[in-house]
Amino acid sequence: MAIFLQLPEFEKELKKLSKKYPTLESDIEDIKPILLTCPTGIGKNFIIIRSKENTKIIKVKIHCESLRSRNIRLIYSYREDEIEFLYLEIYFKGNKENEDRERIEEYLKSIPTR
């Protein structure tokens, strides 16, 4: 069974963005069936930005109904051995150019190596 988790920083970002874009939480729920079927995504809206052993960091462009576009970026980790998804970051492309690479590196360092 797959597990979906969120970093505390992600929760704060989501809460802030949800005030401006009320459909955002349901938009994120809509992507879960896709992730369960194809964890690293399919198509041009998914990009693997980092890979470490059995963990992949993926950036996906999410369709936000409130925006009527794909200007929301979701960064998540997929751990193959545990079938675990961890939402690392969410941001509006118009406010921020790229993902928080420092946050990603800190997360990758925290994963125990085998």
PDB file of N, CA and C in Angstrom:
ATOM      1  N   MET A   1       0.837  -1.180   0.000  1.00  0.00           N
ATOM      2  CA  MET A   1       0.000   0.000   0.000  1.00  0.00           C
ATOM      3  C   MET A   1       0.885   1.248   0.000  1.00  0.00           C
ATOM      4  N   ALA A   2       0.559   2.193  -0.823  1.00  0.00           N
ATOM      5  CA  ALA A   2       1.344   3.417  -0.955  1.00  0.00           C
ATOM      6  C   ALA A   2       1.057   4.378   0.198  1.00  0.00           C
ATOM      7  N   ILE A   3       2.094   5.110   0.566  1.00  0.00           N
ATOM      8  CA  ILE A   3       1.993   6.096   1.638  1.00  0.00           C
ATOM      9  C   ILE A   3       2.271   7.472   1.042  1.00  0.00           C
ATOM     10  N   PHE A   4       1.444   8.450   1.388  1.00  0.00           N
ATOM     11  CA  PHE A   4       1.639   9.836   0.966  1.00  0.00           C
ATOM     12  C   PHE A   4       1.899  10.676   2.207  1.00  0.00           C
ATOM     13  N   LEU A   5       3.060  11.332   2.219  1.00  0.00           N
ATOM     14  CA  LEU A   5       3.463  12.172   3.353  1.00  0.00           C
ATOM     15  C   LEU A   5       3.805  13.578   2.862  1.00  0.00           C
ATOM     16  N   GLN A   6       3.933  14.502   3.816  1.00  0.00           N
ATOM     17  CA  GLN A   6       4.272  15.881   3.472  1.00  0.00           C
ATOM     18  C   GLN A   6       5.298  16.420   4.463  1.00  0.00           C
ATOM     19  N   LEU A   7       6.271  17.168   3.950  1.00  0.00           N
ATOM     20  CA  LEU A   7       7.179  17.889   4.819  1.00  0.00           C
ATOM     21  C   LEU A   7       6.413  19.037   5.476  1.00  0.00           C
ATOM     22  N   PRO A   8       6.804  19.457   6.675  1.00  0.00           N
ATOM     23  CA  PRO A   8       6.145  20.608   7.311  1.00  0.00           C
ATOM     24  C   PRO A   8       6.214  21.878   6.446  1.00  0.00           C
ATOM     25  N   GLU A   9       7.340  22.063   5.750  1.00  0.00           N
ATOM     26  CA  GLU A   9       7.474  23.235   4.865  1.00  0.00           C
ATOM     27  C   GLU A   9       6.458  23.176   3.734  1.00  0.00           C
ATOM     28  N   PHE A  10       6.221  21.974   3.225  1.00  0.00           N
ATOM     29  CA  PHE A  10       5.233  21.785   2.170  1.00  0.00           C
ATOM     30  C   PHE A  10       3.849  22.160   2.686  1.00  0.00           C
ATOM     31  N   GLU A  11       3.515  21.703   3.890  1.00  0.00           N
ATOM     32  CA  GLU A  11       2.196  21.998   4.468  1.00  0.00           C
ATOM     33  C   GLU A  11       1.965  23.504   4.577  1.00  0.00           C
ATOM     34  N   LYS A  12       2.997  24.248   4.996  1.00  0.00           N
ATOM     35  CA  LYS A  12       2.885  25.709   5.098  1.00  0.00           C
ATOM     36  C   LYS A  12       2.681  26.340   3.720  1.00  0.00           C
ATOM     37  N   GLU A  13       3.446  25.877   2.744  1.00  0.00           N
ATOM     38  CA  GLU A  13       3.319  26.410   1.382  1.00  0.00           C
ATOM     39  C   GLU A  13       1.940  26.122   0.815  1.00  0.00           C
ATOM     40  N   LEU A  14       1.454  24.907   1.044  1.00  0.00           N
ATOM     41  CA  LEU A  14       0.135  24.518   0.541  1.00  0.00           C
ATOM     42  C   LEU A  14      -0.962  25.360   1.183  1.00  0.00           C
ATOM     43  N   LYS A  15      -0.865  25.552   2.473  1.00  0.00           N
ATOM     44  CA  LYS A  15      -1.867  26.354   3.187  1.00  0.00           C
ATOM     45  C   LYS A  15      -1.902  27.789   2.642  1.00  0.00           C
ATOM     46  N   LYS A  16      -0.739  28.359   2.433  1.00  0.00           N
ATOM     47  CA  LYS A  16      -0.645  29.731   1.906  1.00  0.00           C
ATOM     48  C   LYS A  16      -1.203  29.822   0.480  1.00  0.00           C
ATOM     49  N   LEU A  17      -0.812  28.883  -0.370  1.00  0.00           N
ATOM     50  CA  LEU A  17      -1.285  28.899  -1.757  1.00  0.00           C
ATOM     51  C   LEU A  17      -2.784  28.585  -1.863  1.00  0.00           C
ATOM     52  N   SER A  18      -3.288  27.734  -0.963  1.00  0.00           N
ATOM     53  CA  SER A  18      -4.702  27.348  -0.999  1.00  0.00           C
ATOM     54  C   SER A  18      -5.628  28.523  -0.716  1.00  0.00           C
ATOM     55  N   LYS A  19      -5.138  29.511   0.009  1.00  0.00           N
ATOM     56  CA  LYS A  19      -5.950  30.708   0.263  1.00  0.00           C
ATOM     57  C   LYS A  19      -6.195  31.464  -1.036  1.00  0.00           C
ATOM     58  N   LYS A  20      -5.178  31.485  -1.878  1.00  0.00           N
ATOM     59  CA  LYS A  20      -5.284  32.188  -3.158  1.00  0.00           C
ATOM     60  C   LYS A  20      -5.927  31.320  -4.245  1.00  0.00           C
ATOM     61  N   TYR A  21      -5.657  30.009  -4.182  1.00  0.00           N
ATOM     62  CA  TYR A  21      -6.155  29.062  -5.184  1.00  0.00           C
ATOM     63  C   TYR A  21      -6.946  27.967  -4.465  1.00  0.00           C
ATOM     64  N   PRO A  22      -8.241  28.168  -4.225  1.00  0.00           N
ATOM     65  CA  PRO A  22      -9.038  27.262  -3.390  1.00  0.00           C
ATOM     66  C   PRO A  22      -9.148  25.815  -3.888  1.00  0.00           C
ATOM     67  N   THR A  23      -8.921  25.568  -5.153  1.00  0.00           N
ATOM     68  CA  THR A  23      -9.035  24.192  -5.661  1.00  0.00           C
ATOM     69  C   THR A  23      -7.742  23.400  -5.521  1.00  0.00           C
ATOM     70  N   LEU A  24      -6.691  24.029  -5.031  1.00  0.00           N
ATOM     71  CA  LEU A  24      -5.364  23.420  -5.049  1.00  0.00           C
ATOM     72  C   LEU A  24      -5.301  22.075  -4.318  1.00  0.00           C
ATOM     73  N   GLU A  25      -5.903  21.985  -3.146  1.00  0.00           N
ATOM     74  CA  GLU A  25      -5.845  20.715  -2.410  1.00  0.00           C
ATOM     75  C   GLU A  25      -6.524  19.585  -3.183  1.00  0.00           C
ATOM     76  N   SER A  26      -7.658  19.864  -3.793  1.00  0.00           N
ATOM     77  CA  SER A  26      -8.319  18.817  -4.588  1.00  0.00           C
ATOM     78  C   SER A  26      -7.540  18.534  -5.878  1.00  0.00           C
ATOM     79  N   ASP A  27      -6.862  19.547  -6.412  1.00  0.00           N
ATOM     80  CA  ASP A  27      -6.024  19.339  -7.598  1.00  0.00           C
ATOM     81  C   ASP A  27      -4.883  18.370  -7.274  1.00  0.00           C
ATOM     82  N   ILE A  28      -4.332  18.482  -6.074  1.00  0.00           N
ATOM     83  CA  ILE A  28      -3.265  17.567  -5.650  1.00  0.00           C
ATOM     84  C   ILE A  28      -3.831  16.160  -5.458  1.00  0.00           C
ATOM     85  N   GLU A  29      -5.019  16.064  -4.906  1.00  0.00           N
ATOM     86  CA  GLU A  29      -5.658  14.748  -4.745  1.00  0.00           C
ATOM     87  C   GLU A  29      -5.883  14.090  -6.102  1.00  0.00           C
ATOM     88  N   ASP A  30      -6.194  14.887  -7.112  1.00  0.00           N
ATOM     89  CA  ASP A  30      -6.451  14.365  -8.456  1.00  0.00           C
ATOM     90  C   ASP A  30      -5.226  13.693  -9.070  1.00  0.00           C
ATOM     91  N   ILE A  31      -4.052  14.074  -8.624  1.00  0.00           N
ATOM     92  CA  ILE A  31      -2.833  13.511  -9.217  1.00  0.00           C
ATOM     93  C   ILE A  31      -2.440  12.175  -8.571  1.00  0.00           C
ATOM     94  N   LYS A  32      -2.972  11.871  -7.398  1.00  0.00           N
ATOM     95  CA  LYS A  32      -2.605  10.635  -6.699  1.00  0.00           C
ATOM     96  C   LYS A  32      -2.840   9.370  -7.521  1.00  0.00           C
ATOM     97  N   PRO A  33      -3.977   9.207  -8.209  1.00  0.00           N
ATOM     98  CA  PRO A  33      -4.152   7.992  -9.016  1.00  0.00           C
ATOM     99  C   PRO A  33      -3.083   7.839 -10.107  1.00  0.00           C
ATOM    100  N   ILE A  34      -2.636   8.960 -10.656  1.00  0.00           N
ATOM    101  CA  ILE A  34      -1.578   8.913 -11.674  1.00  0.00           C
ATOM    102  C   ILE A  34      -0.283   8.430 -11.029  1.00  0.00           C
ATOM    103  N   LEU A  35       0.037   8.963  -9.851  1.00  0.00           N
ATOM    104  CA  LEU A  35       1.264   8.562  -9.156  1.00  0.00           C
ATOM    105  C   LEU A  35       1.231   7.094  -8.761  1.00  0.00           C
ATOM    106  N   LEU A  36       0.066   6.607  -8.367  1.00  0.00           N
ATOM    107  CA  LEU A  36      -0.048   5.197  -7.991  1.00  0.00           C
ATOM    108  C   LEU A  36       0.147   4.277  -9.194  1.00  0.00           C
ATOM    109  N   THR A  37      -0.281   4.727 -10.358  1.00  0.00           N
ATOM    110  CA  THR A  37      -0.139   3.943 -11.582  1.00  0.00           C
ATOM    111  C   THR A  37       1.277   4.036 -12.143  1.00  0.00           C
ATOM    112  N   CYS A  38       1.799   5.243 -12.159  1.00  0.00           N
ATOM    113  CA  CYS A  38       3.137   5.484 -12.715  1.00  0.00           C
ATOM    114  C   CYS A  38       3.868   6.451 -11.778  1.00  0.00           C
ATOM    115  N   PRO A  39       4.560   5.937 -10.767  1.00  0.00           N
ATOM    116  CA  PRO A  39       5.141   6.764  -9.707  1.00  0.00           C
ATOM    117  C   PRO A  39       6.087   7.876 -10.150  1.00  0.00           C
ATOM    118  N   THR A  40       6.793   7.670 -11.244  1.00  0.00           N
ATOM    119  CA  THR A  40       7.682   8.726 -11.715  1.00  0.00           C
ATOM    120  C   THR A  40       7.016   9.581 -12.784  1.00  0.00           C
ATOM    121  N   GLY A  41       5.739   9.342 -13.007  1.00  0.00           N
ATOM    122  CA  GLY A  41       4.965  10.167 -13.926  1.00  0.00           C
ATOM    123  C   GLY A  41       5.054   9.719 -15.365  1.00  0.00           C
ATOM    124  N   ILE A  42       4.181  10.327 -16.160  1.00  0.00           N
ATOM    125  CA  ILE A  42       4.149  10.073 -17.597  1.00  0.00           C
ATOM    126  C   ILE A  42       3.967  11.398 -18.321  1.00  0.00           C
ATOM    127  N   GLY A  43       4.566  11.509 -19.454  1.00  0.00           N
ATOM    128  CA  GLY A  43       4.380  12.701 -20.269  1.00  0.00           C
ATOM    129  C   GLY A  43       5.340  13.823 -19.919  1.00  0.00           C
ATOM    130  N   LYS A  44       5.141  14.932 -20.600  1.00  0.00           N
ATOM    131  CA  LYS A  44       6.066  16.061 -20.493  1.00  0.00           C
ATOM    132  C   LYS A  44       5.904  16.877 -19.215  1.00  0.00           C
ATOM    133  N   ASN A  45       4.855  16.640 -18.443  1.00  0.00           N
ATOM    134  CA  ASN A  45       4.648  17.403 -17.213  1.00  0.00           C
ATOM    135  C   ASN A  45       5.438  16.861 -16.027  1.00  0.00           C
ATOM    136  N   PHE A  46       6.105  15.728 -16.187  1.00  0.00           N
ATOM    137  CA  PHE A  46       6.894  15.114 -15.127  1.00  0.00           C
ATOM    138  C   PHE A  46       8.366  15.112 -15.522  1.00  0.00           C
ATOM    139  N   ILE A  47       9.229  15.518 -14.578  1.00  0.00           N
ATOM    140  CA  ILE A  47      10.669  15.517 -14.825  1.00  0.00           C
ATOM    141  C   ILE A  47      11.370  14.956 -13.589  1.00  0.00           C
ATOM    142  N   ILE A  48      12.186  13.941 -13.775  1.00  0.00           N
ATOM    143  CA  ILE A  48      13.008  13.445 -12.672  1.00  0.00           C
ATOM    144  C   ILE A  48      14.194  14.396 -12.553  1.00  0.00           C
ATOM    145  N   ILE A  49      14.275  15.092 -11.409  1.00  0.00           N
ATOM    146  CA  ILE A  49      15.343  16.085 -11.256  1.00  0.00           C
ATOM    147  C   ILE A  49      16.530  15.572 -10.447  1.00  0.00           C
ATOM    148  N   ARG A  50      16.332  14.521  -9.661  1.00  0.00           N
ATOM    149  CA  ARG A  50      17.419  13.892  -8.906  1.00  0.00           C
ATOM    150  C   ARG A  50      17.095  12.427  -8.702  1.00  0.00           C
ATOM    151  N   SER A  51      18.157  11.652  -8.540  1.00  0.00           N
ATOM    152  CA  SER A  51      17.987  10.230  -8.300  1.00  0.00           C
ATOM    153  C   SER A  51      19.107   9.775  -7.371  1.00  0.00           C
ATOM    154  N   LYS A  52      18.738   9.021  -6.344  1.00  0.00           N
ATOM    155  CA  LYS A  52      19.724   8.494  -5.392  1.00  0.00           C
ATOM    156  C   LYS A  52      19.270   7.099  -5.001  1.00  0.00           C
ATOM    157  N   GLU A  53      20.060   6.106  -5.333  1.00  0.00           N
ATOM    158  CA  GLU A  53      19.739   4.715  -5.050  1.00  0.00           C
ATOM    159  C   GLU A  53      18.300   4.399  -5.460  1.00  0.00           C
ATOM    160  N   ASN A  54      17.418   4.144  -4.502  1.00  0.00           N
ATOM    161  CA  ASN A  54      16.033   3.785  -4.840  1.00  0.00           C
ATOM    162  C   ASN A  54      15.062   4.947  -4.636  1.00  0.00           C
ATOM    163  N   THR A  55      15.587   6.179  -4.608  1.00  0.00           N
ATOM    164  CA  THR A  55      14.759   7.374  -4.401  1.00  0.00           C
ATOM    165  C   THR A  55      14.879   8.297  -5.601  1.00  0.00           C
ATOM    166  N   LYS A  56      13.740   8.763  -6.056  1.00  0.00           N
ATOM    167  CA  LYS A  56      13.715   9.708  -7.173  1.00  0.00           C
ATOM    168  C   LYS A  56      13.008  10.977  -6.708  1.00  0.00           C
ATOM    169  N   ILE A  57      13.543  12.127  -7.115  1.00  0.00           N
ATOM    170  CA  ILE A  57      12.909  13.413  -6.856  1.00  0.00           C
ATOM    171  C   ILE A  57      12.313  13.877  -8.183  1.00  0.00           C
ATOM    172  N   ILE A  58      11.019  14.137  -8.174  1.00  0.00           N
ATOM    173  CA  ILE A  58      10.299  14.460  -9.404  1.00  0.00           C
ATOM    174  C   ILE A  58       9.608  15.814  -9.274  1.00  0.00           C
ATOM    175  N   LYS A  59       9.671  16.576 -10.360  1.00  0.00           N
ATOM    176  CA  LYS A  59       8.937  17.842 -10.443  1.00  0.00           C
ATOM    177  C   LYS A  59       7.798  17.623 -11.424  1.00  0.00           C
ATOM    178  N   VAL A  60       6.605  18.014 -11.010  1.00  0.00           N
ATOM    179  CA  VAL A  60       5.444  17.862 -11.882  1.00  0.00           C
ATOM    180  C   VAL A  60       4.698  19.192 -11.977  1.00  0.00           C
ATOM    181  N   LYS A  61       4.265  19.489 -13.182  1.00  0.00           N
ATOM    182  CA  LYS A  61       3.396  20.651 -13.402  1.00  0.00           C
ATOM    183  C   LYS A  61       1.972  20.189 -13.140  1.00  0.00           C
ATOM    184  N   ILE A  62       1.333  20.826 -12.173  1.00  0.00           N
ATOM    185  CA  ILE A  62      -0.029  20.437 -11.802  1.00  0.00           C
ATOM    186  C   ILE A  62      -1.028  21.406 -12.420  1.00  0.00           C
ATOM    187  N   HIS A  63      -2.086  20.850 -12.948  1.00  0.00           N
ATOM    188  CA  HIS A  63      -3.179  21.684 -13.438  1.00  0.00           C
ATOM    189  C   HIS A  63      -3.974  22.163 -12.234  1.00  0.00           C
ATOM    190  N   CYS A  64      -4.037  23.474 -12.075  1.00  0.00           N
ATOM    191  CA  CYS A  64      -4.799  24.065 -10.979  1.00  0.00           C
ATOM    192  C   CYS A  64      -6.075  24.661 -11.570  1.00  0.00           C
ATOM    193  N   GLU A  65      -7.195  24.130 -11.155  1.00  0.00           N
ATOM    194  CA  GLU A  65      -8.487  24.573 -11.679  1.00  0.00           C
ATOM    195  C   GLU A  65      -8.720  26.058 -11.410  1.00  0.00           C
ATOM    196  N   SER A  66      -8.278  26.543 -10.259  1.00  0.00           N
ATOM    197  CA  SER A  66      -8.444  27.961  -9.924  1.00  0.00           C
ATOM    198  C   SER A  66      -7.667  28.865 -10.874  1.00  0.00           C
ATOM    199  N   LEU A  67      -6.537  28.383 -11.364  1.00  0.00           N
ATOM    200  CA  LEU A  67      -5.706  29.142 -12.296  1.00  0.00           C
ATOM    201  C   LEU A  67      -6.059  28.865 -13.753  1.00  0.00           C
ATOM    202  N   ARG A  68      -6.646  27.698 -13.976  1.00  0.00           N
ATOM    203  CA  ARG A  68      -6.933  27.215 -15.327  1.00  0.00           C
ATOM    204  C   ARG A  68      -5.644  27.064 -16.149  1.00  0.00           C
ATOM    205  N   SER A  69      -4.576  26.683 -15.435  1.00  0.00           N
ATOM    206  CA  SER A  69      -3.289  26.476 -16.116  1.00  0.00           C
ATOM    207  C   SER A  69      -2.424  25.503 -15.320  1.00  0.00           C
ATOM    208  N   ARG A  70      -1.223  25.278 -15.814  1.00  0.00           N
ATOM    209  CA  ARG A  70      -0.264  24.375 -15.158  1.00  0.00           C
ATOM    210  C   ARG A  70       0.894  25.175 -14.552  1.00  0.00           C
ATOM    211  N   ASN A  71       0.582  26.254 -13.869  1.00  0.00           N
ATOM    212  CA  ASN A  71       1.622  27.100 -13.287  1.00  0.00           C
ATOM    213  C   ASN A  71       1.997  26.722 -11.857  1.00  0.00           C
ATOM    214  N   ILE A  72       1.431  25.656 -11.338  1.00  0.00           N
ATOM    215  CA  ILE A  72       1.798  25.173 -10.011  1.00  0.00           C
ATOM    216  C   ILE A  72       2.783  24.021 -10.182  1.00  0.00           C
ATOM    217  N   ARG A  73       3.866  24.082  -9.421  1.00  0.00           N
ATOM    218  CA  ARG A  73       4.872  23.014  -9.466  1.00  0.00           C
ATOM    219  C   ARG A  73       4.842  22.259  -8.146  1.00  0.00           C
ATOM    220  N   LEU A  74       4.847  20.950  -8.240  1.00  0.00           N
ATOM    221  CA  LEU A  74       4.899  20.065  -7.082  1.00  0.00           C
ATOM    222  C   LEU A  74       6.185  19.258  -7.174  1.00  0.00           C
ATOM    223  N   ILE A  75       6.980  19.306  -6.113  1.00  0.00           N
ATOM    224  CA  ILE A  75       8.200  18.514  -6.044  1.00  0.00           C
ATOM    225  C   ILE A  75       7.931  17.401  -5.040  1.00  0.00           C
ATOM    226  N   TYR A  76       8.149  16.166  -5.468  1.00  0.00           N
ATOM    227  CA  TYR A  76       7.919  15.052  -4.557  1.00  0.00           C
ATOM    228  C   TYR A  76       9.028  14.013  -4.691  1.00  0.00           C
ATOM    229  N   SER A  77       9.136  13.208  -3.658  1.00  0.00           N
ATOM    230  CA  SER A  77      10.089  12.119  -3.637  1.00  0.00           C
ATOM    231  C   SER A  77       9.315  10.816  -3.738  1.00  0.00           C
ATOM    232  N   TYR A  78       9.862   9.896  -4.500  1.00  0.00           N
ATOM    233  CA  TYR A  78       9.280   8.553  -4.581  1.00  0.00           C
ATOM    234  C   TYR A  78      10.344   7.561  -4.166  1.00  0.00           C
ATOM    235  N   ARG A  79      10.056   6.810  -3.102  1.00  0.00           N
ATOM    236  CA  ARG A  79      10.967   5.770  -2.618  1.00  0.00           C
ATOM    237  C   ARG A  79      10.422   4.421  -3.044  1.00  0.00           C
ATOM    238  N   GLU A  80      11.126   3.789  -3.958  1.00  0.00           N
ATOM    239  CA  GLU A  80      10.677   2.529  -4.551  1.00  0.00           C
ATOM    240  C   GLU A  80      10.572   1.402  -3.536  1.00  0.00           C
ATOM    241  N   ASP A  81      11.521   1.334  -2.604  1.00  0.00           N
ATOM    242  CA  ASP A  81      11.539   0.214  -1.654  1.00  0.00           C
ATOM    243  C   ASP A  81      10.367   0.248  -0.679  1.00  0.00           C
ATOM    244  N   GLU A  82       9.848   1.436  -0.383  1.00  0.00           N
ATOM    245  CA  GLU A  82       8.765   1.555   0.587  1.00  0.00           C
ATOM    246  C   GLU A  82       7.442   1.993  -0.036  1.00  0.00           C
ATOM    247  N   ILE A  83       7.425   2.195  -1.344  1.00  0.00           N
ATOM    248  CA  ILE A  83       6.262   2.725  -2.057  1.00  0.00           C
ATOM    249  C   ILE A  83       5.731   3.936  -1.288  1.00  0.00           C
ATOM    250  N   GLU A  84       6.630   4.898  -1.112  1.00  0.00           N
ATOM    251  CA  GLU A  84       6.331   6.093  -0.324  1.00  0.00           C
ATOM    252  C   GLU A  84       6.513   7.341  -1.172  1.00  0.00           C
ATOM    253  N   PHE A  85       5.534   8.221  -1.092  1.00  0.00           N
ATOM    254  CA  PHE A  85       5.593   9.511  -1.749  1.00  0.00           C
ATOM    255  C   PHE A  85       5.700  10.571  -0.658  1.00  0.00           C
ATOM    256  N   LEU A  86       6.645  11.476  -0.806  1.00  0.00           N
ATOM    257  CA  LEU A  86       6.794  12.568   0.150  1.00  0.00           C
ATOM    258  C   LEU A  86       6.767  13.874  -0.623  1.00  0.00           C
ATOM    259  N   TYR A  87       5.762  14.686  -0.335  1.00  0.00           N
ATOM    260  CA  TYR A  87       5.669  15.994  -0.971  1.00  0.00           C
ATOM    261  C   TYR A  87       6.673  16.922  -0.304  1.00  0.00           C
ATOM    262  N   LEU A  88       7.604  17.433  -1.100  1.00  0.00           N
ATOM    263  CA  LEU A  88       8.686  18.267  -0.582  1.00  0.00           C
ATOM    264  C   LEU A  88       8.400  19.756  -0.709  1.00  0.00           C
ATOM    265  N   GLU A  89       7.806  20.145  -1.826  1.00  0.00           N
ATOM    266  CA  GLU A  89       7.634  21.573  -2.085  1.00  0.00           C
ATOM    267  C   GLU A  89       6.508  21.789  -3.094  1.00  0.00           C
ATOM    268  N   ILE A  90       5.848  22.940  -2.944  1.00  0.00           N
ATOM    269  CA  ILE A  90       4.846  23.360  -3.920  1.00  0.00           C
ATOM    270  C   ILE A  90       4.991  24.862  -4.089  1.00  0.00           C
ATOM    271  N   TYR A  91       4.938  25.313  -5.334  1.00  0.00           N
ATOM    272  CA  TYR A  91       5.066  26.755  -5.563  1.00  0.00           C
ATOM    273  C   TYR A  91       4.379  27.155  -6.866  1.00  0.00           C
ATOM    274  N   PHE A  92       4.076  28.450  -6.927  1.00  0.00           N
ATOM    275  CA  PHE A  92       3.492  29.053  -8.124  1.00  0.00           C
ATOM    276  C   PHE A  92       4.647  29.534  -8.995  1.00  0.00           C
ATOM    277  N   LYS A  93       4.657  29.101 -10.233  1.00  0.00           N
ATOM    278  CA  LYS A  93       5.761  29.393 -11.149  1.00  0.00           C
ATOM    279  C   LYS A  93       5.971  30.900 -11.337  1.00  0.00           C
ATOM    280  N   GLY A  94       4.916  31.686 -11.228  1.00  0.00           N
ATOM    281  CA  GLY A  94       5.046  33.130 -11.395  1.00  0.00           C
ATOM    282  C   GLY A  94       5.762  33.814 -10.245  1.00  0.00           C
ATOM    283  N   ASN A  95       5.816  33.169  -9.078  1.00  0.00           N
ATOM    284  CA  ASN A  95       6.476  33.748  -7.904  1.00  0.00           C
ATOM    285  C   ASN A  95       7.876  33.215  -7.671  1.00  0.00           C
ATOM    286  N   LYS A  96       8.167  32.049  -8.211  1.00  0.00           N
ATOM    287  CA  LYS A  96       9.441  31.402  -7.940  1.00  0.00           C
ATOM    288  C   LYS A  96       9.887  30.652  -9.191  1.00  0.00           C
ATOM    289  N   GLU A  97      11.122  30.873  -9.582  1.00  0.00           N
ATOM    290  CA  GLU A  97      11.614  30.299 -10.834  1.00  0.00           C
ATOM    291  C   GLU A  97      11.875  28.795 -10.749  1.00  0.00           C
ATOM    292  N   ASN A  98      12.550  28.354  -9.659  1.00  0.00           N
ATOM    293  CA  ASN A  98      12.958  26.954  -9.549  1.00  0.00           C
ATOM    294  C   ASN A  98      12.688  26.391  -8.160  1.00  0.00           C
ATOM    295  N   GLU A  99      12.817  25.087  -8.062  1.00  0.00           N
ATOM    296  CA  GLU A  99      12.633  24.391  -6.798  1.00  0.00           C
ATOM    297  C   GLU A  99      13.746  24.766  -5.812  1.00  0.00           C
ATOM    298  N   ASP A 100      13.491  24.496  -4.542  1.00  0.00           N
ATOM    299  CA  ASP A 100      14.459  24.748  -3.469  1.00  0.00           C
ATOM    300  C   ASP A 100      15.450  23.587  -3.446  1.00  0.00           C
ATOM    301  N   ARG A 101      16.557  23.756  -4.131  1.00  0.00           N
ATOM    302  CA  ARG A 101      17.540  22.672  -4.254  1.00  0.00           C
ATOM    303  C   ARG A 101      18.177  22.327  -2.914  1.00  0.00           C
ATOM    304  N   GLU A 102      18.316  23.317  -2.050  1.00  0.00           N
ATOM    305  CA  GLU A 102      18.880  23.058  -0.719  1.00  0.00           C
ATOM    306  C   GLU A 102      17.962  22.125   0.076  1.00  0.00           C
ATOM    307  N   ARG A 103      16.664  22.342  -0.001  1.00  0.00           N
ATOM    308  CA  ARG A 103      15.706  21.470   0.689  1.00  0.00           C
ATOM    309  C   ARG A 103      15.797  20.039   0.156  1.00  0.00           C
ATOM    310  N   ILE A 104      15.937  19.914  -1.143  1.00  0.00           N
ATOM    311  CA  ILE A 104      16.052  18.595  -1.766  1.00  0.00           C
ATOM    312  C   ILE A 104      17.322  17.896  -1.292  1.00  0.00           C
ATOM    313  N   GLU A 105      18.444  18.622  -1.278  1.00  0.00           N
ATOM    314  CA  GLU A 105      19.709  18.041  -0.834  1.00  0.00           C
ATOM    315  C   GLU A 105      19.637  17.607   0.630  1.00  0.00           C
ATOM    316  N   GLU A 106      19.026  18.433   1.477  1.00  0.00           N
ATOM    317  CA  GLU A 106      18.880  18.074   2.891  1.00  0.00           C
ATOM    318  C   GLU A 106      18.047  16.803   3.036  1.00  0.00           C
ATOM    319  N   TYR A 107      16.985  16.711   2.262  1.00  0.00           N
ATOM    320  CA  TYR A 107      16.162  15.503   2.308  1.00  0.00           C
ATOM    321  C   TYR A 107      16.962  14.274   1.877  1.00  0.00           C
ATOM    322  N   LEU A 108      17.679  14.397   0.769  1.00  0.00           N
ATOM    323  CA  LEU A 108      18.469  13.260   0.267  1.00  0.00           C
ATOM    324  C   LEU A 108      19.543  12.828   1.270  1.00  0.00           C
ATOM    325  N   LYS A 109      20.126  13.785   1.981  1.00  0.00           N
ATOM    326  CA  LYS A 109      21.129  13.450   3.000  1.00  0.00           C
ATOM    327  C   LYS A 109      20.493  12.689   4.169  1.00  0.00           C
ATOM    328  N   SER A 110      19.223  12.955   4.429  1.00  0.00           N
ATOM    329  CA  SER A 110      18.548  12.324   5.569  1.00  0.00           C
ATOM    330  C   SER A 110      18.152  10.873   5.309  1.00  0.00           C
ATOM    331  N   ILE A 111      18.185  10.449   4.051  1.00  0.00           N
ATOM    332  CA  ILE A 111      17.803   9.074   3.711  1.00  0.00           C
ATOM    333  C   ILE A 111      18.953   8.150   4.049  1.00  0.00           C
ATOM    334  N   PRO A 112      18.696   7.123   4.859  1.00  0.00           N
ATOM    335  CA  PRO A 112      19.780   6.189   5.198  1.00  0.00           C
ATOM    336  C   PRO A 112      20.249   5.430   3.956  1.00  0.00           C
ATOM    337  N   THR A 113      21.546   5.269   3.841  1.00  0.00           N
ATOM    338  CA  THR A 113      22.100   4.504   2.714  1.00  0.00           C
ATOM    339  C   THR A 113      22.232   3.056   3.115  1.00  0.00           C
ATOM    340  N   ARG A 114      22.172   2.194   2.140  1.00  0.00           N
ATOM    341  CA  ARG A 114      22.262   0.744   2.403  1.00  0.00           C
ATOM    342  C   ARG A 114      23.627   0.239   2.096  1.00  0.00           C
TER     343      ARG A 114
END
